[in-house]
Amino acid sequence: MITDVAVGHELPELVVPITRTMIVATAIASRDYQDVHHDPALAVERGSPDVFMNILTTNGLVGRFITDWAGPGASLRKVAIRLGAPNYPGDTMTLAGKVIANYNGVVSVHVRGVNSIGAHVTGTVTVTVMKGGR
């Protein structure tokens, strides 16, 4: 149970292939119509080598990473992330996490997502588990 997890516990990594389809579909799903997330030519014109993932997709992937580990009863209480290196098509992001606090079952995890360029996302997520959860 995550309520018993020790500070220092490392979460299993989540490897996420970054595809053009994922970048475009998740930008549209989150109603982010900025051209840099779906139009390669305009992304290049604006100084990027290609389209890149939006922050809402990153937020969703971080949430998935935590809830996959914590189980179906998990409830995200706080997500505080910062973006770094962009996620471009054809790359892979590996999410890793480490428990940094556990106070009466309110667990804080330091999260880091790295791609071939460097750290795409870093931050802290606080999660609890509802009764009947993991």
N, C-alpha and C. Protein backbone atom coordinates (compact mmCIF):
# COMPACT_ATOMS: atom_id res chain seq x y z
N MET A 1 0.84 -1.19 0.00
CA MET A 1 0.00 0.00 0.00
C MET A 1 0.88 1.25 0.00
N ILE A 2 0.47 2.27 -0.73
CA ILE A 2 1.31 3.47 -0.74
C ILE A 2 1.26 4.20 0.59
N THR A 3 0.24 3.93 1.41
CA THR A 3 0.20 4.58 2.71
C THR A 3 1.36 4.14 3.58
N ASP A 4 1.94 2.97 3.28
CA ASP A 4 3.06 2.43 4.04
C ASP A 4 4.41 2.65 3.36
N VAL A 5 4.43 3.30 2.23
CA VAL A 5 5.66 3.43 1.45
C VAL A 5 6.67 4.32 2.18
N ALA A 6 7.92 3.92 2.12
CA ALA A 6 8.98 4.65 2.82
C ALA A 6 9.55 5.78 1.97
N VAL A 7 9.97 6.82 2.65
CA VAL A 7 10.70 7.90 1.98
C VAL A 7 11.95 7.28 1.36
N GLY A 8 12.22 7.65 0.11
CA GLY A 8 13.35 7.09 -0.62
C GLY A 8 12.95 5.99 -1.59
N HIS A 9 11.72 5.48 -1.44
CA HIS A 9 11.24 4.43 -2.35
C HIS A 9 11.24 4.96 -3.79
N GLU A 10 11.78 4.18 -4.72
CA GLU A 10 11.80 4.59 -6.12
C GLU A 10 10.68 3.88 -6.88
N LEU A 11 9.93 4.65 -7.65
CA LEU A 11 8.84 4.10 -8.44
C LEU A 11 9.39 3.40 -9.67
N PRO A 12 8.66 2.40 -10.18
CA PRO A 12 9.07 1.78 -11.45
C PRO A 12 9.01 2.83 -12.56
N GLU A 13 9.99 2.81 -13.43
CA GLU A 13 10.02 3.78 -14.54
C GLU A 13 8.89 3.52 -15.52
N LEU A 14 8.47 4.59 -16.19
CA LEU A 14 7.50 4.50 -17.28
C LEU A 14 8.19 5.06 -18.52
N VAL A 15 8.31 4.23 -19.56
CA VAL A 15 8.93 4.65 -20.81
C VAL A 15 7.81 5.01 -21.79
N VAL A 16 7.87 6.23 -22.31
CA VAL A 16 6.82 6.75 -23.19
C VAL A 16 7.42 7.10 -24.55
N PRO A 17 7.09 6.33 -25.60
CA PRO A 17 7.52 6.70 -26.94
C PRO A 17 6.78 7.98 -27.37
N ILE A 18 7.50 8.94 -27.88
CA ILE A 18 6.90 10.20 -28.31
C ILE A 18 6.70 10.14 -29.83
N THR A 19 5.46 10.09 -30.24
CA THR A 19 5.15 10.02 -31.67
C THR A 19 4.48 11.32 -32.12
N ARG A 20 4.55 11.57 -33.41
CA ARG A 20 3.87 12.73 -33.98
C ARG A 20 2.37 12.63 -33.72
N THR A 21 1.82 11.43 -33.89
CA THR A 21 0.39 11.23 -33.66
C THR A 21 0.02 11.58 -32.22
N MET A 22 0.83 11.14 -31.27
CA MET A 22 0.56 11.44 -29.86
C MET A 22 0.58 12.95 -29.62
N ILE A 23 1.58 13.62 -30.15
CA ILE A 23 1.70 15.07 -29.94
C ILE A 23 0.49 15.80 -30.50
N VAL A 24 0.11 15.48 -31.72
CA VAL A 24 -1.02 16.16 -32.37
C VAL A 24 -2.33 15.81 -31.69
N ALA A 25 -2.57 14.51 -31.47
CA ALA A 25 -3.84 14.07 -30.89
C ALA A 25 -4.06 14.62 -29.48
N THR A 26 -3.01 14.62 -28.67
CA THR A 26 -3.19 15.10 -27.30
C THR A 26 -3.30 16.63 -27.25
N ALA A 27 -2.67 17.32 -28.17
CA ALA A 27 -2.86 18.78 -28.24
C ALA A 27 -4.31 19.09 -28.59
N ILE A 28 -4.84 18.39 -29.58
CA ILE A 28 -6.23 18.61 -29.97
C ILE A 28 -7.18 18.21 -28.85
N ALA A 29 -6.91 17.06 -28.21
CA ALA A 29 -7.77 16.59 -27.11
C ALA A 29 -7.81 17.58 -25.96
N SER A 30 -6.72 18.30 -25.75
CA SER A 30 -6.68 19.28 -24.66
C SER A 30 -7.04 20.69 -25.15
N ARG A 31 -7.53 20.76 -26.38
CA ARG A 31 -7.99 22.01 -27.00
C ARG A 31 -6.88 23.05 -27.11
N ASP A 32 -5.68 22.56 -27.34
CA ASP A 32 -4.53 23.45 -27.55
C ASP A 32 -4.25 23.46 -29.04
N TYR A 33 -4.73 24.48 -29.72
CA TYR A 33 -4.64 24.54 -31.18
C TYR A 33 -3.43 25.34 -31.67
N GLN A 34 -2.47 25.60 -30.80
CA GLN A 34 -1.26 26.30 -31.22
C GLN A 34 -0.59 25.50 -32.33
N ASP A 35 -0.23 26.17 -33.41
CA ASP A 35 0.31 25.48 -34.58
C ASP A 35 1.61 24.72 -34.31
N VAL A 36 2.37 25.12 -33.31
CA VAL A 36 3.64 24.43 -33.02
C VAL A 36 3.42 23.01 -32.52
N HIS A 37 2.17 22.65 -32.22
CA HIS A 37 1.86 21.30 -31.76
C HIS A 37 1.27 20.42 -32.86
N HIS A 38 1.05 20.98 -34.06
CA HIS A 38 0.48 20.14 -35.13
C HIS A 38 0.98 20.46 -36.54
N ASP A 39 1.65 21.55 -36.74
CA ASP A 39 2.09 21.93 -38.08
C ASP A 39 3.62 22.02 -38.12
N PRO A 40 4.28 20.98 -38.67
CA PRO A 40 5.75 20.96 -38.68
C PRO A 40 6.38 22.17 -39.37
N ALA A 41 5.82 22.59 -40.49
CA ALA A 41 6.41 23.72 -41.23
C ALA A 41 6.35 25.00 -40.40
N LEU A 42 5.21 25.25 -39.76
CA LEU A 42 5.10 26.46 -38.94
C LEU A 42 5.94 26.35 -37.67
N ALA A 43 6.08 25.14 -37.13
CA ALA A 43 6.94 24.96 -35.95
C ALA A 43 8.38 25.33 -36.32
N VAL A 44 8.83 24.88 -37.49
CA VAL A 44 10.19 25.20 -37.96
C VAL A 44 10.31 26.71 -38.20
N GLU A 45 9.30 27.29 -38.82
CA GLU A 45 9.30 28.74 -39.07
C GLU A 45 9.43 29.53 -37.77
N ARG A 46 8.89 28.99 -36.69
CA ARG A 46 8.93 29.67 -35.39
C ARG A 46 10.19 29.31 -34.58
N GLY A 47 11.11 28.53 -35.20
CA GLY A 47 12.39 28.26 -34.56
C GLY A 47 12.55 26.90 -33.91
N SER A 48 11.55 26.05 -34.04
CA SER A 48 11.64 24.70 -33.46
C SER A 48 12.01 23.71 -34.56
N PRO A 49 12.75 22.65 -34.24
CA PRO A 49 13.09 21.68 -35.28
C PRO A 49 11.89 20.85 -35.74
N ASP A 50 10.81 20.83 -34.97
CA ASP A 50 9.62 20.03 -35.30
C ASP A 50 8.50 20.43 -34.34
N VAL A 51 7.33 19.81 -34.50
CA VAL A 51 6.26 20.00 -33.53
C VAL A 51 6.74 19.46 -32.19
N PHE A 52 6.14 19.91 -31.10
CA PHE A 52 6.55 19.44 -29.78
C PHE A 52 5.34 19.31 -28.86
N MET A 53 5.50 18.48 -27.85
CA MET A 53 4.44 18.17 -26.90
C MET A 53 4.05 19.40 -26.08
N ASN A 54 2.74 19.52 -25.79
CA ASN A 54 2.28 20.63 -24.95
C ASN A 54 2.31 20.24 -23.47
N ILE A 55 2.20 21.24 -22.61
CA ILE A 55 2.31 21.00 -21.16
C ILE A 55 1.14 20.18 -20.63
N LEU A 56 -0.04 20.32 -21.23
CA LEU A 56 -1.19 19.55 -20.75
C LEU A 56 -0.97 18.06 -20.95
N THR A 57 -0.33 17.69 -22.05
CA THR A 57 0.00 16.28 -22.28
C THR A 57 1.01 15.80 -21.25
N THR A 58 2.02 16.62 -21.01
CA THR A 58 3.01 16.27 -19.99
C THR A 58 2.34 16.09 -18.64
N ASN A 59 1.44 17.01 -18.28
CA ASN A 59 0.70 16.89 -17.02
C ASN A 59 -0.05 15.57 -16.95
N GLY A 60 -0.71 15.21 -18.04
CA GLY A 60 -1.45 13.95 -18.09
C GLY A 60 -0.56 12.74 -17.93
N LEU A 61 0.60 12.76 -18.58
CA LEU A 61 1.53 11.63 -18.48
C LEU A 61 2.11 11.51 -17.07
N VAL A 62 2.39 12.63 -16.44
CA VAL A 62 2.88 12.61 -15.06
C VAL A 62 1.79 12.03 -14.15
N GLY A 63 0.55 12.47 -14.35
CA GLY A 63 -0.56 11.93 -13.57
C GLY A 63 -0.72 10.44 -13.77
N ARG A 64 -0.64 9.98 -15.01
CA ARG A 64 -0.72 8.55 -15.31
C ARG A 64 0.40 7.78 -14.61
N PHE A 65 1.60 8.32 -14.67
CA PHE A 65 2.75 7.68 -14.03
C PHE A 65 2.47 7.45 -12.54
N ILE A 66 1.97 8.46 -11.87
CA ILE A 66 1.71 8.35 -10.44
C ILE A 66 0.54 7.42 -10.16
N THR A 67 -0.57 7.55 -10.89
CA THR A 67 -1.73 6.71 -10.60
C THR A 67 -1.52 5.26 -11.02
N ASP A 68 -0.71 5.01 -12.04
CA ASP A 68 -0.37 3.62 -12.37
C ASP A 68 0.34 2.96 -11.19
N TRP A 69 1.18 3.71 -10.52
CA TRP A 69 1.91 3.19 -9.37
C TRP A 69 1.01 3.10 -8.13
N ALA A 70 0.25 4.15 -7.87
CA ALA A 70 -0.52 4.23 -6.63
C ALA A 70 -1.79 3.39 -6.66
N GLY A 71 -2.32 3.11 -7.84
CA GLY A 71 -3.49 2.26 -7.95
C GLY A 71 -4.78 3.02 -8.22
N PRO A 72 -5.87 2.27 -8.44
CA PRO A 72 -7.13 2.87 -8.87
C PRO A 72 -7.79 3.79 -7.85
N GLY A 73 -7.44 3.67 -6.58
CA GLY A 73 -8.02 4.55 -5.57
C GLY A 73 -7.25 5.83 -5.37
N ALA A 74 -6.23 6.05 -6.19
CA ALA A 74 -5.37 7.22 -6.03
C ALA A 74 -6.07 8.51 -6.43
N SER A 75 -5.78 9.54 -5.69
CA SER A 75 -6.30 10.87 -6.00
C SER A 75 -5.13 11.86 -5.95
N LEU A 76 -4.90 12.52 -7.07
CA LEU A 76 -3.83 13.52 -7.13
C LEU A 76 -4.28 14.76 -6.38
N ARG A 77 -3.53 15.15 -5.39
CA ARG A 77 -3.88 16.35 -4.61
C ARG A 77 -3.18 17.59 -5.13
N LYS A 78 -1.96 17.40 -5.64
CA LYS A 78 -1.20 18.55 -6.14
C LYS A 78 -0.20 18.06 -7.18
N VAL A 79 -0.13 18.79 -8.28
CA VAL A 79 0.87 18.52 -9.32
C VAL A 79 1.58 19.84 -9.58
N ALA A 80 2.87 19.87 -9.27
CA ALA A 80 3.68 21.08 -9.48
C ALA A 80 4.87 20.69 -10.33
N ILE A 81 4.77 20.97 -11.64
CA ILE A 81 5.83 20.56 -12.56
C ILE A 81 6.39 21.76 -13.31
N ARG A 82 7.59 21.55 -13.84
CA ARG A 82 8.27 22.57 -14.64
C ARG A 82 8.80 21.89 -15.90
N LEU A 83 8.57 22.52 -17.04
CA LEU A 83 9.05 21.97 -18.30
C LEU A 83 10.48 22.41 -18.56
N GLY A 84 11.21 21.53 -19.25
CA GLY A 84 12.58 21.82 -19.66
C GLY A 84 12.73 21.55 -21.15
N ALA A 85 13.51 20.55 -21.50
CA ALA A 85 13.76 20.20 -22.91
C ALA A 85 12.48 19.72 -23.57
N PRO A 86 12.18 20.17 -24.78
CA PRO A 86 10.96 19.75 -25.47
C PRO A 86 10.96 18.25 -25.80
N ASN A 87 9.75 17.69 -25.90
CA ASN A 87 9.56 16.33 -26.39
C ASN A 87 9.19 16.42 -27.87
N TYR A 88 10.08 15.90 -28.73
CA TYR A 88 9.85 15.90 -30.18
C TYR A 88 9.49 14.50 -30.66
N PRO A 89 8.83 14.40 -31.83
CA PRO A 89 8.50 13.09 -32.38
C PRO A 89 9.75 12.24 -32.59
N GLY A 90 9.62 10.95 -32.33
CA GLY A 90 10.72 10.02 -32.53
C GLY A 90 11.59 9.84 -31.31
N ASP A 91 11.36 10.63 -30.28
CA ASP A 91 12.14 10.51 -29.05
C ASP A 91 11.40 9.61 -28.06
N THR A 92 12.00 9.37 -26.94
CA THR A 92 11.39 8.59 -25.86
C THR A 92 11.60 9.37 -24.57
N MET A 93 10.54 9.44 -23.76
CA MET A 93 10.67 10.06 -22.44
C MET A 93 10.55 8.96 -21.39
N THR A 94 11.46 8.97 -20.45
CA THR A 94 11.42 8.01 -19.34
C THR A 94 11.10 8.76 -18.06
N LEU A 95 9.95 8.40 -17.47
CA LEU A 95 9.54 9.01 -16.21
C LEU A 95 10.04 8.17 -15.04
N ALA A 96 10.59 8.84 -14.05
CA ALA A 96 11.07 8.18 -12.83
C ALA A 96 10.59 9.01 -11.64
N GLY A 97 10.48 8.36 -10.50
CA GLY A 97 10.02 9.07 -9.32
C GLY A 97 10.59 8.49 -8.05
N LYS A 98 10.63 9.33 -7.03
CA LYS A 98 11.14 8.92 -5.72
C LYS A 98 10.28 9.56 -4.64
N VAL A 99 9.84 8.75 -3.68
CA VAL A 99 9.03 9.25 -2.58
C VAL A 99 9.89 10.16 -1.71
N ILE A 100 9.40 11.39 -1.49
CA ILE A 100 10.17 12.35 -0.68
C ILE A 100 9.47 12.66 0.64
N ALA A 101 8.20 12.25 0.77
CA ALA A 101 7.48 12.47 2.03
C ALA A 101 6.28 11.52 2.09
N ASN A 102 5.94 11.11 3.31
CA ASN A 102 4.74 10.32 3.54
C ASN A 102 4.24 10.70 4.93
N TYR A 103 3.18 11.49 4.94
CA TYR A 103 2.61 11.94 6.20
C TYR A 103 1.18 11.43 6.28
N ASN A 104 0.97 10.41 7.10
CA ASN A 104 -0.36 9.82 7.27
C ASN A 104 -1.00 9.42 5.94
N GLY A 105 -0.22 8.86 5.05
CA GLY A 105 -0.76 8.39 3.78
C GLY A 105 -0.87 9.45 2.70
N VAL A 106 -0.46 10.67 2.99
CA VAL A 106 -0.37 11.71 1.96
C VAL A 106 1.08 11.67 1.47
N VAL A 107 1.25 11.17 0.26
CA VAL A 107 2.59 10.85 -0.25
C VAL A 107 3.01 11.88 -1.29
N SER A 108 4.22 12.40 -1.15
CA SER A 108 4.80 13.31 -2.14
C SER A 108 5.91 12.59 -2.88
N VAL A 109 5.89 12.74 -4.20
CA VAL A 109 6.85 12.07 -5.06
C VAL A 109 7.56 13.12 -5.92
N HIS A 110 8.90 13.07 -5.93
CA HIS A 110 9.65 13.89 -6.87
C HIS A 110 9.66 13.14 -8.20
N VAL A 111 9.25 13.82 -9.26
CA VAL A 111 9.13 13.22 -10.58
C VAL A 111 10.11 13.88 -11.53
N ARG A 112 10.67 13.05 -12.42
CA ARG A 112 11.59 13.56 -13.45
C ARG A 112 11.33 12.77 -14.72
N GLY A 113 11.14 13.48 -15.82
CA GLY A 113 10.97 12.86 -17.13
C GLY A 113 12.10 13.31 -18.04
N VAL A 114 12.85 12.35 -18.56
CA VAL A 114 14.05 12.66 -19.34
C VAL A 114 13.91 12.11 -20.76
N ASN A 115 14.35 12.90 -21.74
CA ASN A 115 14.42 12.44 -23.13
C ASN A 115 15.88 12.53 -23.59
N SER A 116 16.11 12.38 -24.89
CA SER A 116 17.49 12.38 -25.39
C SER A 116 18.18 13.74 -25.28
N ILE A 117 17.40 14.80 -25.12
CA ILE A 117 17.96 16.15 -25.00
C ILE A 117 18.32 16.47 -23.55
N GLY A 118 17.51 15.98 -22.63
CA GLY A 118 17.72 16.28 -21.21
C GLY A 118 16.43 16.10 -20.43
N ALA A 119 16.29 16.86 -19.36
CA ALA A 119 15.10 16.77 -18.51
C ALA A 119 13.94 17.51 -19.18
N HIS A 120 12.90 16.76 -19.54
CA HIS A 120 11.70 17.38 -20.11
C HIS A 120 10.82 17.96 -19.01
N VAL A 121 10.69 17.22 -17.90
CA VAL A 121 9.81 17.66 -16.82
C VAL A 121 10.43 17.27 -15.48
N THR A 122 10.30 18.18 -14.52
CA THR A 122 10.69 17.89 -13.14
C THR A 122 9.62 18.49 -12.24
N GLY A 123 9.47 17.92 -11.07
CA GLY A 123 8.49 18.48 -10.15
C GLY A 123 8.11 17.52 -9.05
N THR A 124 7.03 17.89 -8.37
CA THR A 124 6.54 17.11 -7.24
C THR A 124 5.04 16.87 -7.40
N VAL A 125 4.63 15.64 -7.09
CA VAL A 125 3.22 15.27 -7.11
C VAL A 125 2.86 14.76 -5.73
N THR A 126 1.72 15.22 -5.21
CA THR A 126 1.21 14.73 -3.93
C THR A 126 -0.04 13.92 -4.21
N VAL A 127 -0.10 12.72 -3.62
CA VAL A 127 -1.17 11.78 -3.91
C VAL A 127 -1.67 11.14 -2.61
N THR A 128 -2.97 10.83 -2.59
CA THR A 128 -3.56 10.06 -1.50
C THR A 128 -4.31 8.89 -2.13
N VAL A 129 -4.66 7.93 -1.29
CA VAL A 129 -5.45 6.80 -1.77
C VAL A 129 -6.75 6.75 -0.98
N MET A 130 -7.87 6.72 -1.72
CA MET A 130 -9.17 6.65 -1.08
C MET A 130 -9.37 5.27 -0.48
N LYS A 131 -10.28 5.15 0.47
CA LYS A 131 -10.58 3.85 1.08
C LYS A 131 -10.97 2.87 -0.01
N GLY A 132 -10.47 1.66 0.12
CA GLY A 132 -10.75 0.64 -0.88
C GLY A 132 -9.74 0.65 -2.01
N GLY A 133 -8.84 1.65 -2.02
CA GLY A 133 -7.80 1.72 -3.04
C GLY A 133 -6.66 0.79 -2.68
N ARG A 134 -5.58 0.95 -3.34
CA ARG A 134 -4.41 0.09 -3.18
C ARG A 134 -3.85 0.07 -1.77
